[in-house]
């Protein structure tokens, strides 16, 4: 299952104690959700519509798009 979130809690170089990491390092991920956001690369500059919702169809060429993923992790 997804455990990449633990890297955010890991102690930094030179620090040996990280209470958040110690508290959650053995927790099980019970639910994981990725939410995509699709936009034109220059949507603000070109005065285009704001980021698309999953049920909308874009009026752009594929190579002009960019996608960001936002993760929700339940532990």
Protein backbone atom coordinates (compact mmCIF):
# COMPACT_ATOMS: atom_id res chain seq x y z
CA UNK A 1 0.00 0.00 0.00
CA UNK A 2 1.05 3.63 -0.30
CA UNK A 3 3.65 4.68 2.29
CA UNK A 4 5.25 7.67 0.54
CA UNK A 5 3.67 10.04 3.05
CA UNK A 6 6.12 8.74 5.68
CA UNK A 7 8.96 10.54 3.90
CA UNK A 8 7.36 13.83 4.95
CA UNK A 9 7.53 12.76 8.59
CA UNK A 10 11.05 11.29 8.52
CA UNK A 11 13.69 13.04 10.62
CA UNK A 12 15.89 15.51 8.76
CA UNK A 13 19.63 14.97 8.50
CA UNK A 14 21.20 15.65 11.87
CA UNK A 15 17.95 15.19 13.79
CA UNK A 16 17.35 11.87 15.48
CA UNK A 17 13.95 12.46 17.06
CA UNK A 18 10.76 13.13 15.13
CA UNK A 19 7.63 12.57 17.22
CA UNK A 20 5.26 12.72 14.23
CA UNK A 21 7.22 10.02 12.40
CA UNK A 22 7.42 7.81 15.50
CA UNK A 23 3.70 8.23 16.11
CA UNK A 24 2.62 7.20 12.58
CA UNK A 25 5.38 4.96 11.16
CA UNK A 26 3.44 1.72 11.79
CA UNK A 27 -0.03 3.00 10.84
CA UNK A 28 -1.88 1.26 8.03
CA UNK A 29 -3.22 3.27 5.09
CA UNK A 30 -6.94 2.46 5.01
CA UNK A 31 -7.92 4.67 2.08
CA UNK A 32 -6.01 6.48 -0.64
CA UNK A 33 -7.49 8.93 -3.14
CA UNK A 34 -5.84 10.85 -5.99
CA UNK A 35 -7.77 13.84 -7.35
CA UNK A 36 -6.57 15.16 -10.73
CA UNK A 37 -6.71 18.81 -11.75
CA UNK A 38 -6.36 19.42 -15.50
CA UNK A 39 -5.56 22.91 -16.79
CA UNK A 40 -4.18 24.67 -19.84
CA UNK A 41 -0.55 25.56 -19.13
CA UNK A 42 -1.22 29.28 -19.55
CA UNK A 43 -4.89 29.48 -18.61
CA UNK A 44 -4.53 32.65 -16.54
CA UNK A 45 -2.42 34.51 -19.11
CA UNK A 46 -4.77 33.58 -21.98
CA UNK A 47 -7.88 34.41 -19.92
CA UNK A 48 -9.27 30.90 -20.37
CA UNK A 49 -11.67 29.07 -18.10
CA UNK A 50 -10.43 27.91 -14.72
CA UNK A 51 -9.28 24.30 -14.00
CA UNK A 52 -11.57 21.56 -15.26
CA UNK A 53 -13.70 19.27 -13.18
CA UNK A 54 -13.61 15.54 -14.03
CA UNK A 55 -17.01 15.72 -15.79
CA UNK A 56 -15.98 18.58 -18.14
CA UNK A 57 -14.40 18.31 -21.59
CA UNK A 58 -11.55 20.71 -22.48
CA UNK A 59 -11.37 22.87 -25.59
CA UNK A 60 -7.56 22.58 -25.79
CA UNK A 61 -4.96 20.49 -27.56
CA UNK A 62 -3.58 17.65 -25.46
CA UNK A 63 0.01 18.99 -25.52
CA UNK A 64 -1.19 22.32 -24.06
CA UNK A 65 -2.55 20.69 -20.92
CA UNK A 66 -0.93 20.05 -17.58
CA UNK A 67 -2.17 17.79 -14.81
CA UNK A 68 -1.63 18.03 -11.07
CA UNK A 69 -2.56 15.27 -8.64
CA UNK A 70 -3.73 15.99 -5.12
CA UNK A 71 -3.59 13.07 -2.69
CA UNK A 72 -5.85 12.34 0.26
CA UNK A 73 -4.45 9.65 2.56
CA UNK A 74 -6.48 8.14 5.40
CA UNK A 75 -4.50 6.32 8.10
